[in-house]
């Protein structure tokens, strides 16, 4: 062991024995400086030795004084200094990355090359929004990681990902982002500018976009994307016109769901499955059967610009929120509801009583079959 290494080792032992957080923080600074001075020339054994020293010091600081601002600052500084270093000890990087304090975890989450996809996915599943935003800013992300980030459905994380050209997003990931973009114009514009957005999803995005979003996309589009975006806008407009004008055939769906119900095989699980698969006709017919209503009642509720009406037959049918959420995702006219509205709808659904839902559904049924008033 060199004299410098022996001196540091002695200092670490002294700091441990003293039990002083201040002493430990000073030692962290000295050990960090020594490590960074020759990080590129250390062997794997030496890097692991440094890792053990760092972990002992970090553990000592955390146990004794994490309420102390200076202790948090010292760990945040350690994270910032080790984050860009390719030879940083993996054990210490993983520990800092999982720290609850984002000022400590943030630098390594954003920058450290020592974190594996498995590390990032685990943190994406278990930590909070700020940790996910930090991961979303990494210079390179594979689809398996961005899928895990998007699964938490934080709009802020989606915005960070689509603005990061080094983040690869799967088709399923883009589909989740498009759901959020329905109520987030900035996210819609940023998503529309992604060169890797699949053509079909670009058309779907623009079909649901406002004129303001379309205009902003065209005004901001780089030359290599301008024609593609303009063509997608035209295709979206033409597709929307065709979709609105065509008649949907509910005959087969009615027959299938009616037969299932007569045989005692139509249940909530089947309704949830067809809704998740976006099989619109089967979803409407199954909900009509389970709520003892009709397609003529359920279909306008599915197509309405308001989302709360469809909650009524869902409550009458005794559905769980998981199934109701899948039905909202399958809605014909407005598509998936925004996260903020979804939370409001979930509260409304919980507060809606079965008796009130039955009364409303009976009222709507009577109105739908009442003959028009005669004029004199």
Foldseek 3Di string as FASTA:
>chain_A
DDPLVVVLVVQLVVCVVVLDLVSLLVSLVVLLVVCVVPVVPDDLVVLVVSVVSNVVSLVSNVVRPPVDPVSVVSLLVSLQSQQQPQSHRLVSLLVQLQDQDCSNNLSNLQGHPSQDLVSLLVCLQPHDDSSLLSNLNHQAAEQVNLVSNCVVVDLSSLQSNLVRLRYDHDQVSLVSLLLQCLPPLVSLLSNLQRPPHDLVVNLVSLLSDDPVSLVVNLVPHDPVCNVSSVVSNVVSVVVNVVLVPDDDDLPVLLVVLVVCVVVVNQDLVVLLVCLLVLVQSNNLNSLCVLLVHHSVQQLCQLQDPDPQVNLLSCVSSVHDVSSVQSSCCNRDHSHHHHPVVSVVSVVVSVPDDNVNSVVVRVVSRCVVPDDDDDDD
